[in-house]
Amino acid sequence: MLKKDRQKRILQLIDETNFLKVSDASNILKVAEMTIRRDFKELEAEGEIERIHGGAKKKKNIKSEYIELSHRQKKLLNISEKKYVAKKAAELINDNDVVFIGAGTTTEYMYDYINVGSAKIITNSISIFNRFKSDSKFDLILTGGKLRERTGTFVGYFTQKWIKDIKVQKVFIGTNGIKDENITTAEEEEGVVQQVILNNSHENYVLADSTKFGIEAFQVLCNISEITAIITDDKLSSQVEEFYDGKVKIIK
């Protein structure tokens, strides 16, 4: 039995009884207990189950459906974690870098921590633009396009057409959720713009505080294999970090 099928069966068994012993799963699936423990660890990292002594149980309040909040609502959540992530991201920007910073309440904080003499900043976010506009050491470019008022972001045909023609050294974008090996976003038009710029960059960084892991939003933006690193906070669980070990670089 393939791992994917085995783990699917494990979830079915847990769903049926609410609890599954390692030994019982081993007997039912005809595999070693060590294999079952590895499966439990991966499923927990993905937010599917909760491991307890001797087995695993259903995880309470699993967020299977993402509901997008307004920009104002998002700004009130996980502020210290977002600042932590933004500082880590800002430290990756060097003098004279050409950088794209995508919309997001985490990326907005990057301005507070960038320590360079000069850099070119490109964005499709009005909020990001407003953070940088009065600082003369930045060569600042705001893309045009159709304004999505909910997030203050330019999207659509003209935005995509403009971004297709540029090349940048580094991209910093936020995400609404990271599920398994997928970076996801809640809005398809914003997602398309991000996909275009990710293809035109040398280094791609996704900013995600630890609460974003295990969350699946509407659209898959990209696979983790397409990014340079995920930048997160120091509250990320060891189980989640172990799941991504060897799959993508985690900066925290």
Protein backbone atom coordinates (compact mmCIF):
# COMPACT_ATOMS: atom_id res chain seq x y z
CA MET A 1 0.00 0.00 0.00
CA LEU A 2 1.34 3.43 -0.96
CA LYS A 3 1.96 5.93 1.82
CA LYS A 4 -0.72 8.26 0.49
CA ASP A 5 -3.32 5.47 0.51
CA ARG A 6 -2.19 4.25 3.93
CA GLN A 7 -2.52 7.68 5.47
CA LYS A 8 -5.92 8.12 3.87
CA ARG A 9 -7.01 4.85 5.48
CA ILE A 10 -5.60 5.99 8.85
CA LEU A 11 -7.74 9.14 8.66
CA GLN A 12 -10.79 7.01 7.86
CA LEU A 13 -10.15 4.77 10.87
CA ILE A 14 -9.69 7.75 13.19
CA ASP A 15 -12.83 9.36 11.80
CA GLU A 16 -14.80 6.19 12.53
CA THR A 17 -13.67 5.74 16.14
CA ASN A 18 -12.24 9.17 17.07
CA PHE A 19 -9.11 7.38 18.36
CA LEU A 20 -6.66 4.91 16.86
CA LYS A 21 -3.90 3.02 18.64
CA VAL A 22 -0.54 2.59 16.96
CA SER A 23 -0.73 -1.17 17.52
CA ASP A 24 -4.24 -1.42 16.05
CA ALA A 25 -3.26 0.56 12.97
CA SER A 26 -0.19 -1.62 12.55
CA ASN A 27 -2.29 -4.80 12.64
CA ILE A 28 -5.00 -3.49 10.33
CA LEU A 29 -2.63 -2.06 7.73
CA LYS A 30 0.00 -4.81 8.02
CA VAL A 31 2.95 -2.45 8.51
CA ALA A 32 5.45 -1.87 11.30
CA GLU A 33 4.50 0.32 14.25
CA MET A 34 7.44 2.59 13.40
CA THR A 35 5.82 3.26 10.01
CA ILE A 36 2.52 4.13 11.68
CA ARG A 37 4.26 6.52 14.07
CA ARG A 38 5.87 8.29 11.11
CA ASP A 39 2.48 8.54 9.44
CA PHE A 40 0.95 9.96 12.62
CA LYS A 41 3.74 12.55 12.85
CA GLU A 42 3.23 13.67 9.24
CA LEU A 43 -0.55 13.81 9.58
CA GLU A 44 -0.23 15.87 12.75
CA ALA A 45 2.15 18.28 11.02
CA GLU A 46 -0.44 18.69 8.28
CA GLY A 47 -3.07 19.55 10.89
CA GLU A 48 -5.14 16.43 10.30
CA ILE A 49 -4.84 14.64 13.67
CA GLU A 50 -3.51 15.07 17.20
CA ARG A 51 -1.02 12.55 18.53
CA ILE A 52 -1.47 11.31 22.09
CA HIS A 53 0.21 8.58 24.10
CA GLY A 54 -0.11 5.28 22.25
CA GLY A 55 -2.03 6.59 19.30
CA ALA A 56 -3.81 9.51 17.70
CA LYS A 57 -7.23 11.15 17.78
CA LYS A 58 -9.25 13.53 15.68
CA LYS A 59 -8.08 17.10 15.90
CA LYS A 60 -10.65 19.51 17.24
CA ASN A 61 -11.71 22.47 15.15
CA ILE A 62 -9.74 21.55 12.06
CA LYS A 63 -9.87 24.52 9.70
CA SER A 64 -10.86 22.87 6.44
CA GLU A 65 -12.27 26.02 4.84
CA TYR A 66 -10.49 29.36 4.77
CA ILE A 67 -12.58 32.51 5.08
CA GLU A 68 -10.78 35.63 3.92
CA LEU A 69 -10.82 38.52 6.36
CA SER A 70 -10.60 42.16 5.36
CA HIS A 71 -7.24 43.92 5.41
CA ARG A 72 -8.29 45.83 8.53
CA GLN A 73 -9.28 42.61 10.32
CA LYS A 74 -6.02 40.90 9.42
CA LYS A 75 -3.96 43.79 10.80
CA LEU A 76 -5.27 43.00 14.29
CA LEU A 77 -4.10 39.36 14.28
CA ASN A 78 -0.74 37.92 15.42
CA ILE A 79 1.00 41.28 15.37
CA SER A 80 4.16 40.25 17.25
CA GLU A 81 4.58 37.16 15.07
CA LYS A 82 4.14 39.20 11.89
CA LYS A 83 6.78 41.70 13.01
CA TYR A 84 9.15 38.85 13.81
CA VAL A 85 8.69 37.38 10.32
CA ALA A 86 8.98 40.78 8.63
CA LYS A 87 12.28 41.48 10.40
CA LYS A 88 13.71 38.14 9.25
CA ALA A 89 12.62 38.90 5.70
CA ALA A 90 14.03 42.44 5.74
CA GLU A 91 17.43 41.10 6.77
CA LEU A 92 17.66 39.32 3.42
CA ILE A 93 17.57 42.57 1.43
CA ASN A 94 20.97 43.97 0.45
CA ASP A 95 22.09 47.31 -0.96
CA ASN A 96 20.89 47.96 -4.52
CA ASP A 97 18.64 44.90 -4.61
CA VAL A 98 15.65 44.96 -6.93
CA VAL A 99 12.79 43.59 -4.84
CA PHE A 100 9.09 42.85 -5.29
CA ILE A 101 7.02 43.03 -2.10
CA GLY A 102 3.52 41.65 -2.38
CA ALA A 103 0.44 42.73 -0.48
CA GLY A 104 -0.06 41.56 3.07
CA THR A 105 -0.25 42.64 6.69
CA THR A 106 3.06 40.87 7.34
CA THR A 107 4.95 42.28 4.36
CA GLU A 108 3.85 45.78 5.37
CA TYR A 109 6.07 45.58 8.43
CA MET A 110 9.17 44.91 6.33
CA TYR A 111 9.75 48.64 5.83
CA ASP A 112 10.46 49.07 9.55
CA TYR A 113 13.41 46.69 9.42
CA ILE A 114 15.10 47.18 6.03
CA ASN A 115 18.61 48.51 6.66
CA VAL A 116 20.17 49.42 3.33
CA GLY A 117 21.51 52.56 1.68
CA SER A 118 19.34 52.08 -1.38
CA ALA A 119 17.10 49.54 -3.10
CA LYS A 120 14.44 49.39 -5.78
CA ILE A 121 11.06 48.35 -4.38
CA ILE A 122 8.26 47.21 -6.69
CA THR A 123 4.77 46.49 -5.38
CA ASN A 124 1.15 46.18 -6.45
CA SER A 125 -0.07 47.11 -2.95
CA ILE A 126 -1.18 50.61 -2.00
CA SER A 127 -0.40 49.88 1.67
CA ILE A 128 3.16 48.82 0.86
CA PHE A 129 3.57 51.87 -1.40
CA ASN A 130 2.45 54.19 1.39
CA ARG A 131 5.00 52.73 3.81
CA PHE A 132 7.92 53.46 1.45
CA LYS A 133 6.81 56.57 -0.46
CA SER A 134 8.42 59.21 1.78
CA ASP A 135 11.81 57.50 2.06
CA SER A 136 14.22 58.85 -0.56
CA LYS A 137 16.65 55.92 -0.33
CA PHE A 138 14.12 53.71 -2.09
CA ASP A 139 13.43 53.80 -5.81
CA LEU A 140 9.74 52.96 -5.55
CA ILE A 141 7.42 51.61 -8.26
CA LEU A 142 3.69 50.98 -7.87
CA THR A 143 2.09 48.90 -10.59
CA GLY A 144 -1.21 49.93 -12.07
CA GLY A 145 -4.21 47.78 -12.88
CA LYS A 146 -7.62 47.07 -11.42
CA LEU A 147 -7.86 47.90 -7.72
CA ARG A 148 -9.14 45.17 -5.43
CA GLU A 149 -10.48 47.31 -2.59
CA ARG A 150 -10.66 44.49 -0.01
CA THR A 151 -6.87 44.27 0.12
CA GLY A 152 -5.83 47.53 -1.55
CA THR A 153 -4.07 45.56 -4.29
CA PHE A 154 -3.80 46.08 -8.03
CA VAL A 155 -4.72 42.98 -10.04
CA GLY A 156 -5.97 41.99 -13.48
CA TYR A 157 -4.77 42.08 -17.08
CA PHE A 158 -2.79 45.33 -16.98
CA THR A 159 -1.02 44.41 -13.75
CA GLN A 160 -0.05 41.01 -15.14
CA LYS A 161 1.10 42.52 -18.45
CA TRP A 162 3.36 45.02 -16.68
CA ILE A 163 4.87 42.48 -14.28
CA LYS A 164 5.63 40.01 -17.09
CA ASP A 165 8.19 42.48 -18.42
CA ILE A 166 10.24 42.92 -15.26
CA LYS A 167 12.94 40.85 -13.59
CA VAL A 168 13.75 41.11 -9.89
CA GLN A 169 16.34 39.60 -7.60
CA LYS A 170 14.02 38.80 -4.70
CA VAL A 171 10.29 38.37 -4.16
CA PHE A 172 8.58 38.57 -0.77
CA ILE A 173 4.93 37.54 -0.67
CA GLY A 174 2.45 36.58 2.00
CA THR A 175 0.09 33.62 2.01
CA ASN A 176 -3.31 32.78 3.42
CA GLY A 177 -2.25 29.23 4.25
CA ILE A 178 0.30 26.47 3.77
CA LYS A 179 -1.17 22.99 3.45
CA ASP A 180 0.98 19.92 2.77
CA GLU A 181 3.37 21.07 0.04
CA ASN A 182 1.18 23.86 -1.31
CA ILE A 183 1.32 27.60 -0.78
CA THR A 184 -2.27 28.86 -1.07
CA THR A 185 -4.08 32.14 -1.50
CA ALA A 186 -7.68 33.23 -1.06
CA GLU A 187 -8.10 35.31 -4.21
CA GLU A 188 -7.35 34.03 -7.71
CA GLU A 189 -6.58 37.38 -9.35
CA GLU A 190 -4.01 38.26 -6.70
CA GLY A 191 -2.67 34.73 -7.03
CA VAL A 192 -2.12 35.06 -10.77
CA VAL A 193 -0.07 38.24 -10.28
CA GLN A 194 2.04 36.50 -7.65
CA GLN A 195 2.60 33.50 -9.93
CA VAL A 196 3.90 35.79 -12.67
CA ILE A 197 6.42 37.57 -10.45
CA LEU A 198 7.58 34.31 -8.85
CA ASN A 199 8.60 33.16 -12.33
CA ASN A 200 10.59 36.37 -12.90
CA SER A 201 12.70 36.28 -9.75
CA HIS A 202 15.98 34.70 -8.68
CA GLU A 203 14.91 34.19 -5.06
CA ASN A 204 11.35 33.66 -3.81
CA TYR A 205 10.39 34.03 -0.15
CA VAL A 206 6.99 33.31 1.40
CA LEU A 207 6.20 35.07 4.68
CA ALA A 208 3.91 33.03 6.93
CA ASP A 209 3.52 33.22 10.67
CA SER A 210 3.14 29.85 12.38
CA THR A 211 -0.68 30.02 12.45
CA LYS A 212 -0.77 29.75 8.63
CA PHE A 213 0.51 26.16 8.59
CA GLY A 214 -2.19 23.55 8.10
CA ILE A 215 -4.55 26.12 6.54
CA GLU A 216 -5.75 25.67 2.97
CA ALA A 217 -7.12 28.69 1.13
CA PHE A 218 -8.99 28.76 -2.18
CA GLN A 219 -6.21 28.60 -4.76
CA VAL A 220 -2.85 26.84 -4.91
CA LEU A 221 -0.32 29.56 -5.59
CA CYS A 222 2.69 27.29 -5.98
CA ASN A 223 4.42 24.20 -4.68
CA ILE A 224 7.05 24.62 -1.97
CA SER A 225 9.64 23.32 -4.46
CA GLU A 226 9.23 26.60 -6.38
CA ILE A 227 10.30 28.86 -3.51
CA THR A 228 13.64 29.62 -1.89
CA ALA A 229 12.38 29.55 1.69
CA ILE A 230 9.43 30.01 4.00
CA ILE A 231 10.01 32.71 6.61
CA THR A 232 8.07 32.11 9.81
CA ASP A 233 8.21 32.81 13.55
CA ASP A 234 9.83 30.95 16.43
CA LYS A 235 6.50 29.47 17.56
CA LEU A 236 6.44 26.96 14.73
CA SER A 237 6.03 23.50 16.21
CA SER A 238 8.83 20.96 15.94
CA GLN A 239 6.41 18.52 14.29
CA VAL A 240 5.64 20.92 11.47
CA GLU A 241 9.31 21.78 11.06
CA GLU A 242 10.19 18.09 10.86
CA PHE A 243 7.55 17.56 8.17
CA TYR A 244 9.14 20.22 5.96
CA ASP A 245 12.73 19.19 6.70
CA GLY A 246 14.41 18.37 3.41
CA LYS A 247 11.46 19.69 1.39
CA VAL A 248 11.92 23.44 1.77
CA LYS A 249 14.14 25.77 3.76
CA ILE A 250 12.51 27.21 6.87
CA ILE A 251 13.84 30.52 8.22
CA LYS A 252 12.75 31.45 11.72
